[in-house]
Amino acid sequence: MKCISVYTDNFEAFSDIYEQILDSPPADNEDVVLEGITVSGSGEVPEQYIERMKVKPEVVVMREKQRGITILQHGNVFEICMPGDETAE
């Protein structure tokens, strides 16, 4: 799973830039700033990472089933975990 970290604890601000992030995700280890929020390409994470995070009480888990995306929110960060680029054009 490809992971993108979004450094904010503000859900509204995250929602405002979410589609922009998906349309043009940062490369691995690349940081970009969108509307004052740092967005970082965190590379690949194993499926087990997501499963471990889901059971933690301080982690909010959101799913976008249609695109197979899992969003984890904890502390001051949102993590967007999505299928890898196998199907990218």
PDB file of N, CA and C in Angstrom:
ATOM      1  N   MET A   1       0.841  -1.178   0.000  1.00  0.00           N
ATOM      2  CA  MET A   1       0.000   0.000   0.000  1.00  0.00           C
ATOM      3  C   MET A   1       0.888   1.244   0.000  1.00  0.00           C
ATOM      4  N   LYS A   2       0.571   2.171  -0.864  1.00  0.00           N
ATOM      5  CA  LYS A   2       1.281   3.453  -0.902  1.00  0.00           C
ATOM      6  C   LYS A   2       0.692   4.336   0.187  1.00  0.00           C
ATOM      7  N   CYS A   3       1.541   5.053   0.908  1.00  0.00           N
ATOM      8  CA  CYS A   3       1.076   5.884   2.016  1.00  0.00           C
ATOM      9  C   CYS A   3       1.508   7.339   1.805  1.00  0.00           C
ATOM     10  N   ILE A   4       0.571   8.235   2.075  1.00  0.00           N
ATOM     11  CA  ILE A   4       0.836   9.676   2.015  1.00  0.00           C
ATOM     12  C   ILE A   4       0.459  10.254   3.370  1.00  0.00           C
ATOM     13  N   SER A   5       1.363  10.976   3.991  1.00  0.00           N
ATOM     14  CA  SER A   5       1.100  11.598   5.290  1.00  0.00           C
ATOM     15  C   SER A   5       0.719  13.058   5.083  1.00  0.00           C
ATOM     16  N   VAL A   6      -0.336  13.470   5.793  1.00  0.00           N
ATOM     17  CA  VAL A   6      -0.827  14.847   5.722  1.00  0.00           C
ATOM     18  C   VAL A   6      -0.777  15.400   7.138  1.00  0.00           C
ATOM     19  N   TYR A   7       0.076  16.391   7.362  1.00  0.00           N
ATOM     20  CA  TYR A   7       0.355  16.868   8.716  1.00  0.00           C
ATOM     21  C   TYR A   7      -0.586  17.986   9.149  1.00  0.00           C
ATOM     22  N   THR A   8      -1.757  17.560   9.635  1.00  0.00           N
ATOM     23  CA  THR A   8      -2.734  18.473  10.213  1.00  0.00           C
ATOM     24  C   THR A   8      -3.658  17.659  11.109  1.00  0.00           C
ATOM     25  N   ASP A   9      -4.243  18.310  12.098  1.00  0.00           N
ATOM     26  CA  ASP A   9      -5.267  17.646  12.906  1.00  0.00           C
ATOM     27  C   ASP A   9      -6.646  18.228  12.590  1.00  0.00           C
ATOM     28  N   ASN A  10      -6.713  19.060  11.561  1.00  0.00           N
ATOM     29  CA  ASN A  10      -7.941  19.735  11.172  1.00  0.00           C
ATOM     30  C   ASN A  10      -8.615  18.957  10.031  1.00  0.00           C
ATOM     31  N   PHE A  11      -9.708  18.265  10.356  1.00  0.00           N
ATOM     32  CA  PHE A  11     -10.381  17.433   9.358  1.00  0.00           C
ATOM     33  C   PHE A  11     -10.907  18.262   8.190  1.00  0.00           C
ATOM     34  N   GLU A  12     -11.431  19.436   8.479  1.00  0.00           N
ATOM     35  CA  GLU A  12     -11.964  20.288   7.412  1.00  0.00           C
ATOM     36  C   GLU A  12     -10.864  20.684   6.427  1.00  0.00           C
ATOM     37  N   ALA A  13      -9.707  21.074   6.946  1.00  0.00           N
ATOM     38  CA  ALA A  13      -8.578  21.438   6.085  1.00  0.00           C
ATOM     39  C   ALA A  13      -8.111  20.227   5.276  1.00  0.00           C
ATOM     40  N   PHE A  14      -8.062  19.059   5.922  1.00  0.00           N
ATOM     41  CA  PHE A  14      -7.686  17.824   5.237  1.00  0.00           C
ATOM     42  C   PHE A  14      -8.667  17.541   4.097  1.00  0.00           C
ATOM     43  N   SER A  15      -9.962  17.650   4.389  1.00  0.00           N
ATOM     44  CA  SER A  15     -10.995  17.393   3.374  1.00  0.00           C
ATOM     45  C   SER A  15     -10.865  18.331   2.183  1.00  0.00           C
ATOM     46  N   ASP A  16     -10.500  19.588   2.464  1.00  0.00           N
ATOM     47  CA  ASP A  16     -10.366  20.581   1.397  1.00  0.00           C
ATOM     48  C   ASP A  16      -9.282  20.226   0.387  1.00  0.00           C
ATOM     49  N   ILE A  17      -8.211  19.555   0.836  1.00  0.00           N
ATOM     50  CA  ILE A  17      -7.097  19.252  -0.080  1.00  0.00           C
ATOM     51  C   ILE A  17      -7.024  17.771  -0.470  1.00  0.00           C
ATOM     52  N   TYR A  18      -7.926  16.952   0.043  1.00  0.00           N
ATOM     53  CA  TYR A  18      -7.886  15.499  -0.186  1.00  0.00           C
ATOM     54  C   TYR A  18      -7.849  15.131  -1.671  1.00  0.00           C
ATOM     55  N   GLU A  19      -8.794  15.627  -2.450  1.00  0.00           N
ATOM     56  CA  GLU A  19      -8.833  15.289  -3.885  1.00  0.00           C
ATOM     57  C   GLU A  19      -7.597  15.805  -4.611  1.00  0.00           C
ATOM     58  N   GLN A  20      -7.115  16.965  -4.210  1.00  0.00           N
ATOM     59  CA  GLN A  20      -5.904  17.543  -4.798  1.00  0.00           C
ATOM     60  C   GLN A  20      -4.710  16.609  -4.556  1.00  0.00           C
ATOM     61  N   ILE A  21      -4.639  16.037  -3.367  1.00  0.00           N
ATOM     62  CA  ILE A  21      -3.556  15.106  -3.034  1.00  0.00           C
ATOM     63  C   ILE A  21      -3.650  13.863  -3.909  1.00  0.00           C
ATOM     64  N   LEU A  22      -4.865  13.324  -4.049  1.00  0.00           N
ATOM     65  CA  LEU A  22      -5.035  12.107  -4.853  1.00  0.00           C
ATOM     66  C   LEU A  22      -4.768  12.360  -6.326  1.00  0.00           C
ATOM     67  N   ASP A  23      -5.114  13.557  -6.813  1.00  0.00           N
ATOM     68  CA  ASP A  23      -4.872  13.888  -8.221  1.00  0.00           C
ATOM     69  C   ASP A  23      -3.388  14.023  -8.538  1.00  0.00           C
ATOM     70  N   SER A  24      -2.627  14.514  -7.565  1.00  0.00           N
ATOM     71  CA  SER A  24      -1.196  14.739  -7.783  1.00  0.00           C
ATOM     72  C   SER A  24      -0.419  14.381  -6.515  1.00  0.00           C
ATOM     73  N   PRO A  25      -0.309  13.077  -6.222  1.00  0.00           N
ATOM     74  CA  PRO A  25       0.366  12.673  -4.985  1.00  0.00           C
ATOM     75  C   PRO A  25       1.867  12.961  -5.030  1.00  0.00           C
ATOM     76  N   PRO A  26       2.443  13.296  -3.880  1.00  0.00           N
ATOM     77  CA  PRO A  26       3.892  13.517  -3.849  1.00  0.00           C
ATOM     78  C   PRO A  26       4.635  12.198  -4.064  1.00  0.00           C
ATOM     79  N   ALA A  27       5.835  12.289  -4.613  1.00  0.00           N
ATOM     80  CA  ALA A  27       6.679  11.110  -4.786  1.00  0.00           C
ATOM     81  C   ALA A  27       7.167  10.641  -3.414  1.00  0.00           C
ATOM     82  N   ASP A  28       7.674   9.421  -3.361  1.00  0.00           N
ATOM     83  CA  ASP A  28       8.240   8.910  -2.108  1.00  0.00           C
ATOM     84  C   ASP A  28       9.302   9.868  -1.590  1.00  0.00           C
ATOM     85  N   ASN A  29       9.249  10.155  -0.311  1.00  0.00           N
ATOM     86  CA  ASN A  29      10.199  11.041   0.377  1.00  0.00           C
ATOM     87  C   ASN A  29      10.163  12.481  -0.124  1.00  0.00           C
ATOM     88  N   GLU A  30       9.091  12.867  -0.803  1.00  0.00           N
ATOM     89  CA  GLU A  30       8.929  14.245  -1.266  1.00  0.00           C
ATOM     90  C   GLU A  30       7.919  14.948  -0.369  1.00  0.00           C
ATOM     91  N   ASP A  31       8.223  16.174   0.025  1.00  0.00           N
ATOM     92  CA  ASP A  31       7.299  16.997   0.797  1.00  0.00           C
ATOM     93  C   ASP A  31       6.788  18.123  -0.089  1.00  0.00           C
ATOM     94  N   VAL A  32       5.474  18.341  -0.053  1.00  0.00           N
ATOM     95  CA  VAL A  32       4.871  19.474  -0.740  1.00  0.00           C
ATOM     96  C   VAL A  32       3.974  20.193   0.260  1.00  0.00           C
ATOM     97  N   VAL A  33       3.708  21.455   0.014  1.00  0.00           N
ATOM     98  CA  VAL A  33       2.830  22.225   0.892  1.00  0.00           C
ATOM     99  C   VAL A  33       1.612  22.647   0.085  1.00  0.00           C
ATOM    100  N   LEU A  34       0.437  22.238   0.560  1.00  0.00           N
ATOM    101  CA  LEU A  34      -0.831  22.598  -0.065  1.00  0.00           C
ATOM    102  C   LEU A  34      -1.651  23.381   0.943  1.00  0.00           C
ATOM    103  N   GLU A  35      -1.991  24.597   0.599  1.00  0.00           N
ATOM    104  CA  GLU A  35      -2.788  25.455   1.464  1.00  0.00           C
ATOM    105  C   GLU A  35      -2.224  25.500   2.898  1.00  0.00           C
ATOM    106  N   GLY A  36      -0.899  25.565   2.982  1.00  0.00           N
ATOM    107  CA  GLY A  36      -0.232  25.692   4.272  1.00  0.00           C
ATOM    108  C   GLY A  36      -0.051  24.390   5.036  1.00  0.00           C
ATOM    109  N   ILE A  37      -0.417  23.261   4.431  1.00  0.00           N
ATOM    110  CA  ILE A  37      -0.320  21.956   5.090  1.00  0.00           C
ATOM    111  C   ILE A  37       0.754  21.129   4.381  1.00  0.00           C
ATOM    112  N   THR A  38       1.653  20.546   5.164  1.00  0.00           N
ATOM    113  CA  THR A  38       2.703  19.703   4.593  1.00  0.00           C
ATOM    114  C   THR A  38       2.131  18.327   4.265  1.00  0.00           C
ATOM    115  N   VAL A  39       2.411  17.876   3.044  1.00  0.00           N
ATOM    116  CA  VAL A  39       1.984  16.568   2.559  1.00  0.00           C
ATOM    117  C   VAL A  39       3.239  15.832   2.139  1.00  0.00           C
ATOM    118  N   SER A  40       3.399  14.602   2.635  1.00  0.00           N
ATOM    119  CA  SER A  40       4.642  13.870   2.410  1.00  0.00           C
ATOM    120  C   SER A  40       4.382  12.498   1.822  1.00  0.00           C
ATOM    121  N   GLY A  41       5.139  12.155   0.787  1.00  0.00           N
ATOM    122  CA  GLY A  41       5.084  10.802   0.226  1.00  0.00           C
ATOM    123  C   GLY A  41       5.864   9.884   1.139  1.00  0.00           C
ATOM    124  N   SER A  42       5.161   9.002   1.843  1.00  0.00           N
ATOM    125  CA  SER A  42       5.800   8.154   2.857  1.00  0.00           C
ATOM    126  C   SER A  42       6.215   6.793   2.324  1.00  0.00           C
ATOM    127  N   GLY A  43       6.000   6.545   1.044  1.00  0.00           N
ATOM    128  CA  GLY A  43       6.413   5.268   0.467  1.00  0.00           C
ATOM    129  C   GLY A  43       5.409   4.164   0.726  1.00  0.00           C
ATOM    130  N   GLU A  44       5.894   2.947   0.705  1.00  0.00           N
ATOM    131  CA  GLU A  44       5.042   1.774   0.869  1.00  0.00           C
ATOM    132  C   GLU A  44       4.945   1.367   2.335  1.00  0.00           C
ATOM    133  N   VAL A  45       3.756   0.927   2.738  1.00  0.00           N
ATOM    134  CA  VAL A  45       3.563   0.354   4.069  1.00  0.00           C
ATOM    135  C   VAL A  45       2.926  -1.020   3.899  1.00  0.00           C
ATOM    136  N   PRO A  46       3.306  -1.972   4.748  1.00  0.00           N
ATOM    137  CA  PRO A  46       2.705  -3.307   4.642  1.00  0.00           C
ATOM    138  C   PRO A  46       1.264  -3.295   5.145  1.00  0.00           C
ATOM    139  N   GLU A  47       0.459  -4.207   4.631  1.00  0.00           N
ATOM    140  CA  GLU A  47      -0.945  -4.339   5.040  1.00  0.00           C
ATOM    141  C   GLU A  47      -1.045  -4.528   6.558  1.00  0.00           C
ATOM    142  N   GLN A  48      -0.050  -5.204   7.159  1.00  0.00           N
ATOM    143  CA  GLN A  48      -0.054  -5.434   8.610  1.00  0.00           C
ATOM    144  C   GLN A  48      -0.010  -4.127   9.391  1.00  0.00           C
ATOM    145  N   TYR A  49       0.646  -3.108   8.851  1.00  0.00           N
ATOM    146  CA  TYR A  49       0.702  -1.798   9.515  1.00  0.00           C
ATOM    147  C   TYR A  49      -0.706  -1.248   9.690  1.00  0.00           C
ATOM    148  N   ILE A  50      -1.494  -1.319   8.634  1.00  0.00           N
ATOM    149  CA  ILE A  50      -2.857  -0.805   8.686  1.00  0.00           C
ATOM    150  C   ILE A  50      -3.670  -1.595   9.706  1.00  0.00           C
ATOM    151  N   GLU A  51      -3.526  -2.910   9.690  1.00  0.00           N
ATOM    152  CA  GLU A  51      -4.267  -3.745  10.641  1.00  0.00           C
ATOM    153  C   GLU A  51      -3.865  -3.419  12.088  1.00  0.00           C
ATOM    154  N   ARG A  52      -2.585  -3.195  12.333  1.00  0.00           N
ATOM    155  CA  ARG A  52      -2.115  -2.846  13.694  1.00  0.00           C
ATOM    156  C   ARG A  52      -2.669  -1.497  14.124  1.00  0.00           C
ATOM    157  N   MET A  53      -2.695  -0.542  13.205  1.00  0.00           N
ATOM    158  CA  MET A  53      -3.188   0.794  13.540  1.00  0.00           C
ATOM    159  C   MET A  53      -4.690   0.782  13.816  1.00  0.00           C
ATOM    160  N   LYS A  54      -5.438  -0.055  13.102  1.00  0.00           N
ATOM    161  CA  LYS A  54      -6.897  -0.103  13.259  1.00  0.00           C
ATOM    162  C   LYS A  54      -7.332  -0.469  14.674  1.00  0.00           C
ATOM    163  N   VAL A  55      -6.526  -1.245  15.388  1.00  0.00           N
ATOM    164  CA  VAL A  55      -6.935  -1.699  16.724  1.00  0.00           C
ATOM    165  C   VAL A  55      -6.564  -0.720  17.831  1.00  0.00           C
ATOM    166  N   LYS A  56      -5.803   0.316  17.513  1.00  0.00           N
ATOM    167  CA  LYS A  56      -5.406   1.297  18.528  1.00  0.00           C
ATOM    168  C   LYS A  56      -6.576   2.256  18.795  1.00  0.00           C
ATOM    169  N   PRO A  57      -6.895   2.479  20.072  1.00  0.00           N
ATOM    170  CA  PRO A  57      -8.051   3.330  20.399  1.00  0.00           C
ATOM    171  C   PRO A  57      -7.887   4.795  19.986  1.00  0.00           C
ATOM    172  N   GLU A  58      -6.650   5.270  19.846  1.00  0.00           N
ATOM    173  CA  GLU A  58      -6.429   6.677  19.497  1.00  0.00           C
ATOM    174  C   GLU A  58      -6.433   6.924  17.989  1.00  0.00           C
ATOM    175  N   VAL A  59      -6.666   5.882  17.194  1.00  0.00           N
ATOM    176  CA  VAL A  59      -6.630   5.999  15.741  1.00  0.00           C
ATOM    177  C   VAL A  59      -8.053   5.969  15.176  1.00  0.00           C
ATOM    178  N   VAL A  60      -8.370   6.978  14.366  1.00  0.00           N
ATOM    179  CA  VAL A  60      -9.650   7.007  13.652  1.00  0.00           C
ATOM    180  C   VAL A  60      -9.398   6.403  12.272  1.00  0.00           C
ATOM    181  N   VAL A  61     -10.256   5.463  11.874  1.00  0.00           N
ATOM    182  CA  VAL A  61     -10.099   4.781  10.592  1.00  0.00           C
ATOM    183  C   VAL A  61     -11.265   5.145   9.683  1.00  0.00           C
ATOM    184  N   MET A  62     -10.949   5.612   8.490  1.00  0.00           N
ATOM    185  CA  MET A  62     -11.971   5.929   7.486  1.00  0.00           C
ATOM    186  C   MET A  62     -11.657   5.123   6.238  1.00  0.00           C
ATOM    187  N   ARG A  63     -12.698   4.654   5.548  1.00  0.00           N
ATOM    188  CA  ARG A  63     -12.502   3.866   4.334  1.00  0.00           C
ATOM    189  C   ARG A  63     -13.212   4.519   3.161  1.00  0.00           C
ATOM    190  N   GLU A  64     -12.541   4.536   2.040  1.00  0.00           N
ATOM    191  CA  GLU A  64     -13.175   4.907   0.784  1.00  0.00           C
ATOM    192  C   GLU A  64     -13.169   3.639  -0.059  1.00  0.00           C
ATOM    193  N   LYS A  65     -14.241   2.867   0.068  1.00  0.00           N
ATOM    194  CA  LYS A  65     -14.291   1.525  -0.528  1.00  0.00           C
ATOM    195  C   LYS A  65     -14.144   1.531  -2.040  1.00  0.00           C
ATOM    196  N   GLN A  66     -14.752   2.491  -2.706  1.00  0.00           N
ATOM    197  CA  GLN A  66     -14.733   2.510  -4.165  1.00  0.00           C
ATOM    198  C   GLN A  66     -13.310   2.529  -4.727  1.00  0.00           C
ATOM    199  N   ARG A  67     -12.418   3.272  -4.077  1.00  0.00           N
ATOM    200  CA  ARG A  67     -11.027   3.365  -4.559  1.00  0.00           C
ATOM    201  C   ARG A  67     -10.077   2.508  -3.733  1.00  0.00           C
ATOM    202  N   GLY A  68     -10.582   1.798  -2.727  1.00  0.00           N
ATOM    203  CA  GLY A  68      -9.732   0.937  -1.903  1.00  0.00           C
ATOM    204  C   GLY A  68      -8.786   1.707  -0.998  1.00  0.00           C
ATOM    205  N   ILE A  69      -9.188   2.915  -0.598  1.00  0.00           N
ATOM    206  CA  ILE A  69      -8.333   3.788   0.213  1.00  0.00           C
ATOM    207  C   ILE A  69      -8.718   3.678   1.680  1.00  0.00           C
ATOM    208  N   THR A  70      -7.712   3.595   2.536  1.00  0.00           N
ATOM    209  CA  THR A  70      -7.910   3.654   3.982  1.00  0.00           C
ATOM    210  C   THR A  70      -7.225   4.914   4.481  1.00  0.00           C
ATOM    211  N   ILE A  71      -7.932   5.682   5.307  1.00  0.00           N
ATOM    212  CA  ILE A  71      -7.363   6.896   5.895  1.00  0.00           C
ATOM    213  C   ILE A  71      -7.275   6.674   7.399  1.00  0.00           C
ATOM    214  N   LEU A  72      -6.083   6.836   7.936  1.00  0.00           N
ATOM    215  CA  LEU A  72      -5.856   6.720   9.372  1.00  0.00           C
ATOM    216  C   LEU A  72      -5.580   8.111   9.914  1.00  0.00           C
ATOM    217  N   GLN A  73      -6.258   8.482  10.991  1.00  0.00           N
ATOM    218  CA  GLN A  73      -6.007   9.783  11.609  1.00  0.00           C
ATOM    219  C   GLN A  73      -5.613   9.552  13.051  1.00  0.00           C
ATOM    220  N   HIS A  74      -4.449  10.054  13.407  1.00  0.00           N
ATOM    221  CA  HIS A  74      -3.974   9.935  14.788  1.00  0.00           C
ATOM    222  C   HIS A  74      -3.049  11.105  15.078  1.00  0.00           C
ATOM    223  N   GLY A  75      -3.213  11.675  16.262  1.00  0.00           N
ATOM    224  CA  GLY A  75      -2.395  12.834  16.613  1.00  0.00           C
ATOM    225  C   GLY A  75      -2.617  13.950  15.607  1.00  0.00           C
ATOM    226  N   ASN A  76      -1.543  14.491  15.094  1.00  0.00           N
ATOM    227  CA  ASN A  76      -1.616  15.606  14.146  1.00  0.00           C
ATOM    228  C   ASN A  76      -1.343  15.172  12.714  1.00  0.00           C
ATOM    229  N   VAL A  77      -1.729  13.936  12.388  1.00  0.00           N
ATOM    230  CA  VAL A  77      -1.436  13.443  11.041  1.00  0.00           C
ATOM    231  C   VAL A  77      -2.575  12.572  10.514  1.00  0.00           C
ATOM    232  N   PHE A  78      -2.843  12.727   9.220  1.00  0.00           N
ATOM    233  CA  PHE A  78      -3.717  11.823   8.490  1.00  0.00           C
ATOM    234  C   PHE A  78      -2.805  11.008   7.583  1.00  0.00           C
ATOM    235  N   GLU A  79      -3.034   9.705   7.502  1.00  0.00           N
ATOM    236  CA  GLU A  79      -2.279   8.858   6.589  1.00  0.00           C
ATOM    237  C   GLU A  79      -3.253   8.291   5.564  1.00  0.00           C
ATOM    238  N   ILE A  80      -2.988   8.587   4.310  1.00  0.00           N
ATOM    239  CA  ILE A  80      -3.810   8.068   3.216  1.00  0.00           C
ATOM    240  C   ILE A  80      -3.084   6.838   2.676  1.00  0.00           C
ATOM    241  N   CYS A  81      -3.692   5.672   2.849  1.00  0.00           N
ATOM    242  CA  CYS A  81      -3.096   4.422   2.377  1.00  0.00           C
ATOM    243  C   CYS A  81      -3.933   3.913   1.216  1.00  0.00           C
ATOM    244  N   MET A  82      -3.276   3.752   0.082  1.00  0.00           N
ATOM    245  CA  MET A  82      -4.009   3.344  -1.135  1.00  0.00           C
ATOM    246  C   MET A  82      -3.241   2.260  -1.869  1.00  0.00           C
ATOM    247  N   PRO A  83      -3.962   1.516  -2.725  1.00  0.00           N
ATOM    248  CA  PRO A  83      -3.283   0.492  -3.503  1.00  0.00           C
ATOM    249  C   PRO A  83      -2.112   1.092  -4.278  1.00  0.00           C
ATOM    250  N   GLY A  84      -1.095   0.268  -4.522  1.00  0.00           N
ATOM    251  CA  GLY A  84       0.104   0.735  -5.247  1.00  0.00           C
ATOM    252  C   GLY A  84      -0.208   1.155  -6.665  1.00  0.00           C
ATOM    253  N   ASP A  85       0.813   1.503  -7.426  1.00  0.00           N
ATOM    254  CA  ASP A  85       0.647   2.062  -8.762  1.00  0.00           C
ATOM    255  C   ASP A  85       0.575   1.019  -9.877  1.00  0.00           C
ATOM    256  N   GLU A  86       0.261  -0.237  -9.553  1.00  0.00           N
ATOM    257  CA  GLU A  86       0.246  -1.270 -10.596  1.00  0.00           C
ATOM    258  C   GLU A  86      -0.690  -0.901 -11.737  1.00  0.00           C
ATOM    259  N   THR A  87      -1.790  -0.209 -11.404  1.00  0.00           N
ATOM    260  CA  THR A  87      -2.789   0.098 -12.432  1.00  0.00           C
ATOM    261  C   THR A  87      -2.668   1.512 -12.970  1.00  0.00           C
ATOM    262  N   ALA A  88      -1.637   2.213 -12.601  1.00  0.00           N
ATOM    263  CA  ALA A  88      -1.476   3.617 -13.054  1.00  0.00           C
ATOM    264  C   ALA A  88      -1.238   3.640 -14.557  1.00  0.00           C
ATOM    265  N   GLU A  89      -1.718   4.717 -15.177  1.00  0.00           N
ATOM    266  CA  GLU A  89      -1.553   4.838 -16.628  1.00  0.00           C
ATOM    267  C   GLU A  89      -0.184   5.397 -16.962  1.00  0.00           C
TER     268      GLU A  89
END
